Each structure stands twice: as structure tokens, then as C-alpha cells.
Amino acid sequence: MTWRPALSRAAMLRHDPVRQTDLLIVPERIVVLNEEAAAIVGLCDGERTVADIVAELPEGAEADVVEFLDRVRAEGWLR
């Protein structure tokens, strides 16, 4: 858990005021994030470790957060 996730250079996190939701914009794709996913991605600043990110979220979410980060990393949206 020493990985310090950050958005890849090709990804951007943006808020869509029309839809009132957060979007992850990646090449050739726009991913609509739910509130929890947006909160997790928003914490991926390259400074926080996975453990730091988990500590800032509701208790008991560790397994889900780690799984989500691994999935997003596998997509190439996090480095």
C-alpha cells in the first residue's frame, strides 16, 4: 500500500454542472462517476498513499477502495 495513485497524464477529473455529476475524461471515453468513485479519484493526487486515501473515507471501505483503485489502474487511468 505504498503506491501513491495519481491520474494518468491522459485523464482529467471534471464536474459536469448540467448533469450534477463528476466525470473522468480519458482518451476516446467519458466515464460518469458516482459520488463514492469521484471522492476516491479526487484523493488520487500522487501525494497520498492508498492507506492515506482509505483513512479519509468511511470506515470499512478498505477492500472496496483497493479493488476500485486496482481496476482504475488496470484501465490506465491512474499511474
N, C-alpha and C. Protein backbone atom coordinates (compact mmCIF):
# COMPACT_ATOMS: atom_id res chain seq x y z
N MET A 1 0.82 -1.20 0.00
CA MET A 1 0.00 0.00 0.00
C MET A 1 0.86 1.25 0.00
N THR A 2 2.05 1.18 -0.58
CA THR A 2 2.90 2.36 -0.67
C THR A 2 2.69 3.10 -1.97
N TRP A 3 1.89 2.54 -2.87
CA TRP A 3 1.58 3.20 -4.14
C TRP A 3 0.89 4.53 -3.84
N ARG A 4 1.28 5.57 -4.55
CA ARG A 4 0.68 6.90 -4.41
C ARG A 4 -0.05 7.21 -5.72
N PRO A 5 -1.32 6.79 -5.81
CA PRO A 5 -2.04 6.93 -7.07
C PRO A 5 -2.25 8.38 -7.48
N ALA A 6 -2.14 8.60 -8.78
CA ALA A 6 -2.41 9.90 -9.38
C ALA A 6 -3.04 9.65 -10.74
N LEU A 7 -3.81 10.60 -11.20
CA LEU A 7 -4.41 10.47 -12.52
C LEU A 7 -3.30 10.38 -13.56
N SER A 8 -3.52 9.56 -14.57
CA SER A 8 -2.56 9.50 -15.66
C SER A 8 -2.58 10.83 -16.39
N ARG A 9 -1.55 11.09 -17.15
CA ARG A 9 -1.48 12.36 -17.88
C ARG A 9 -2.62 12.52 -18.89
N ALA A 10 -3.18 11.42 -19.31
CA ALA A 10 -4.24 11.44 -20.32
C ALA A 10 -5.64 11.55 -19.70
N ALA A 11 -5.74 11.55 -18.37
CA ALA A 11 -7.05 11.57 -17.71
C ALA A 11 -7.28 12.90 -16.99
N MET A 12 -8.54 13.32 -16.98
CA MET A 12 -8.93 14.54 -16.28
C MET A 12 -10.21 14.28 -15.50
N LEU A 13 -10.26 14.80 -14.30
CA LEU A 13 -11.47 14.74 -13.49
C LEU A 13 -12.17 16.09 -13.62
N ARG A 14 -13.42 16.09 -14.05
CA ARG A 14 -14.18 17.31 -14.26
C ARG A 14 -15.58 17.15 -13.68
N HIS A 15 -16.14 18.27 -13.23
CA HIS A 15 -17.52 18.27 -12.76
C HIS A 15 -18.41 18.78 -13.88
N ASP A 16 -19.49 18.07 -14.15
CA ASP A 16 -20.46 18.47 -15.17
C ASP A 16 -21.64 19.13 -14.46
N PRO A 17 -21.73 20.46 -14.54
CA PRO A 17 -22.81 21.15 -13.82
C PRO A 17 -24.20 20.85 -14.38
N VAL A 18 -24.28 20.48 -15.64
CA VAL A 18 -25.58 20.16 -16.24
C VAL A 18 -26.12 18.86 -15.63
N ARG A 19 -25.27 17.85 -15.57
CA ARG A 19 -25.69 16.55 -15.02
C ARG A 19 -25.52 16.47 -13.51
N GLN A 20 -24.85 17.47 -12.92
CA GLN A 20 -24.56 17.47 -11.49
C GLN A 20 -23.82 16.20 -11.07
N THR A 21 -22.79 15.87 -11.85
CA THR A 21 -22.01 14.68 -11.56
C THR A 21 -20.56 14.92 -11.96
N ASP A 22 -19.68 14.08 -11.47
CA ASP A 22 -18.27 14.16 -11.82
C ASP A 22 -17.97 13.18 -12.96
N LEU A 23 -17.08 13.62 -13.83
CA LEU A 23 -16.70 12.82 -14.99
C LEU A 23 -15.21 12.58 -14.99
N LEU A 24 -14.82 11.41 -15.40
CA LEU A 24 -13.42 11.11 -15.65
C LEU A 24 -13.27 11.08 -17.17
N ILE A 25 -12.53 12.03 -17.68
CA ILE A 25 -12.37 12.15 -19.13
C ILE A 25 -11.03 11.53 -19.51
N VAL A 26 -11.12 10.49 -20.32
CA VAL A 26 -9.93 9.77 -20.79
C VAL A 26 -10.02 9.68 -22.31
N PRO A 27 -8.91 9.39 -22.98
CA PRO A 27 -8.95 9.36 -24.45
C PRO A 27 -10.10 8.48 -24.98
N GLU A 28 -10.88 9.07 -25.85
CA GLU A 28 -11.98 8.39 -26.53
C GLU A 28 -13.07 7.87 -25.61
N ARG A 29 -13.14 8.43 -24.38
CA ARG A 29 -14.12 7.91 -23.44
C ARG A 29 -14.41 8.95 -22.36
N ILE A 30 -15.64 8.98 -21.90
CA ILE A 30 -16.02 9.76 -20.73
C ILE A 30 -16.71 8.81 -19.77
N VAL A 31 -16.21 8.77 -18.54
CA VAL A 31 -16.75 7.87 -17.53
C VAL A 31 -17.50 8.70 -16.50
N VAL A 32 -18.77 8.41 -16.31
CA VAL A 32 -19.58 9.09 -15.30
C VAL A 32 -19.31 8.39 -13.97
N LEU A 33 -18.85 9.16 -12.99
CA LEU A 33 -18.50 8.60 -11.68
C LEU A 33 -19.63 8.83 -10.69
N ASN A 34 -19.88 7.82 -9.87
CA ASN A 34 -20.83 8.05 -8.78
C ASN A 34 -20.10 8.83 -7.69
N GLU A 35 -20.82 9.23 -6.67
CA GLU A 35 -20.26 10.08 -5.62
C GLU A 35 -19.04 9.45 -4.94
N GLU A 36 -19.13 8.16 -4.64
CA GLU A 36 -18.02 7.48 -3.96
C GLU A 36 -16.79 7.39 -4.85
N ALA A 37 -16.99 7.02 -6.10
CA ALA A 37 -15.86 6.91 -7.03
C ALA A 37 -15.19 8.26 -7.24
N ALA A 38 -16.00 9.31 -7.36
CA ALA A 38 -15.44 10.65 -7.54
C ALA A 38 -14.62 11.07 -6.32
N ALA A 39 -15.11 10.71 -5.13
CA ALA A 39 -14.37 11.04 -3.91
C ALA A 39 -13.01 10.34 -3.89
N ILE A 40 -12.99 9.08 -4.29
CA ILE A 40 -11.74 8.31 -4.31
C ILE A 40 -10.78 8.90 -5.34
N VAL A 41 -11.26 9.10 -6.55
CA VAL A 41 -10.40 9.63 -7.62
C VAL A 41 -9.90 11.03 -7.24
N GLY A 42 -10.75 11.81 -6.60
CA GLY A 42 -10.35 13.15 -6.17
C GLY A 42 -9.21 13.15 -5.18
N LEU A 43 -9.04 12.06 -4.45
CA LEU A 43 -7.95 11.94 -3.48
C LEU A 43 -6.66 11.42 -4.10
N CYS A 44 -6.71 11.01 -5.34
CA CYS A 44 -5.54 10.46 -6.03
C CYS A 44 -4.69 11.60 -6.59
N ASP A 45 -3.89 12.19 -5.71
CA ASP A 45 -3.11 13.36 -6.08
C ASP A 45 -1.61 13.07 -6.22
N GLY A 46 -1.23 11.81 -6.06
CA GLY A 46 0.18 11.45 -6.15
C GLY A 46 0.94 11.68 -4.85
N GLU A 47 0.30 12.28 -3.89
CA GLU A 47 0.91 12.53 -2.57
C GLU A 47 0.45 11.50 -1.54
N ARG A 48 -0.83 11.16 -1.61
CA ARG A 48 -1.40 10.22 -0.64
C ARG A 48 -1.12 8.78 -1.07
N THR A 49 -0.84 7.93 -0.10
CA THR A 49 -0.74 6.50 -0.37
C THR A 49 -2.15 5.93 -0.38
N VAL A 50 -2.27 4.69 -0.79
CA VAL A 50 -3.58 4.03 -0.76
C VAL A 50 -4.10 4.02 0.68
N ALA A 51 -3.23 3.77 1.64
CA ALA A 51 -3.64 3.76 3.05
C ALA A 51 -4.16 5.13 3.48
N ASP A 52 -3.53 6.20 3.01
CA ASP A 52 -3.99 7.56 3.33
C ASP A 52 -5.39 7.80 2.74
N ILE A 53 -5.59 7.34 1.52
CA ILE A 53 -6.89 7.51 0.86
C ILE A 53 -7.97 6.74 1.63
N VAL A 54 -7.67 5.50 1.98
CA VAL A 54 -8.62 4.68 2.74
C VAL A 54 -8.97 5.36 4.06
N ALA A 55 -7.97 5.96 4.72
CA ALA A 55 -8.19 6.60 6.02
C ALA A 55 -9.12 7.80 5.93
N GLU A 56 -9.23 8.41 4.76
CA GLU A 56 -10.08 9.58 4.60
C GLU A 56 -11.52 9.22 4.22
N LEU A 57 -11.78 7.96 4.01
CA LEU A 57 -13.10 7.50 3.59
C LEU A 57 -13.79 6.77 4.74
N PRO A 58 -15.10 6.52 4.61
CA PRO A 58 -15.82 5.84 5.70
C PRO A 58 -15.18 4.52 6.09
N GLU A 59 -15.23 4.24 7.37
CA GLU A 59 -14.65 3.01 7.91
C GLU A 59 -15.27 1.78 7.27
N GLY A 60 -14.45 0.77 7.03
CA GLY A 60 -14.92 -0.48 6.46
C GLY A 60 -14.90 -0.52 4.94
N ALA A 61 -14.41 0.54 4.32
CA ALA A 61 -14.43 0.61 2.86
C ALA A 61 -13.12 0.16 2.22
N GLU A 62 -12.16 -0.27 3.02
CA GLU A 62 -10.82 -0.55 2.51
C GLU A 62 -10.80 -1.52 1.33
N ALA A 63 -11.44 -2.66 1.45
CA ALA A 63 -11.40 -3.66 0.38
C ALA A 63 -12.00 -3.11 -0.91
N ASP A 64 -13.11 -2.39 -0.79
CA ASP A 64 -13.75 -1.82 -1.98
C ASP A 64 -12.88 -0.74 -2.62
N VAL A 65 -12.25 0.09 -1.80
CA VAL A 65 -11.39 1.16 -2.32
C VAL A 65 -10.19 0.56 -3.04
N VAL A 66 -9.55 -0.41 -2.44
CA VAL A 66 -8.38 -1.04 -3.05
C VAL A 66 -8.77 -1.71 -4.36
N GLU A 67 -9.89 -2.42 -4.37
CA GLU A 67 -10.37 -3.07 -5.60
C GLU A 67 -10.65 -2.03 -6.69
N PHE A 68 -11.32 -0.94 -6.33
CA PHE A 68 -11.63 0.12 -7.28
C PHE A 68 -10.35 0.73 -7.84
N LEU A 69 -9.40 1.05 -6.98
CA LEU A 69 -8.14 1.64 -7.44
C LEU A 69 -7.39 0.69 -8.36
N ASP A 70 -7.38 -0.58 -8.03
CA ASP A 70 -6.73 -1.57 -8.90
C ASP A 70 -7.39 -1.63 -10.27
N ARG A 71 -8.72 -1.58 -10.29
CA ARG A 71 -9.46 -1.62 -11.56
C ARG A 71 -9.17 -0.39 -12.42
N VAL A 72 -9.18 0.78 -11.78
CA VAL A 72 -8.92 2.03 -12.50
C VAL A 72 -7.47 2.07 -12.99
N ARG A 73 -6.58 1.55 -12.19
CA ARG A 73 -5.17 1.48 -12.60
C ARG A 73 -5.01 0.56 -13.80
N ALA A 74 -5.71 -0.58 -13.79
CA ALA A 74 -5.63 -1.53 -14.90
C ALA A 74 -6.15 -0.92 -16.19
N GLU A 75 -7.11 0.00 -16.09
CA GLU A 75 -7.62 0.71 -17.26
C GLU A 75 -6.62 1.72 -17.79
N GLY A 76 -5.61 2.05 -16.98
CA GLY A 76 -4.61 3.02 -17.39
C GLY A 76 -4.96 4.46 -17.03
N TRP A 77 -5.98 4.63 -16.18
CA TRP A 77 -6.42 5.98 -15.83
C TRP A 77 -5.66 6.51 -14.63
N LEU A 78 -5.00 5.64 -13.88
CA LEU A 78 -4.16 6.05 -12.76
C LEU A 78 -2.75 5.56 -12.99
N ARG A 79 -1.82 6.29 -12.46
CA ARG A 79 -0.42 5.84 -12.53
C ARG A 79 0.11 5.69 -11.12
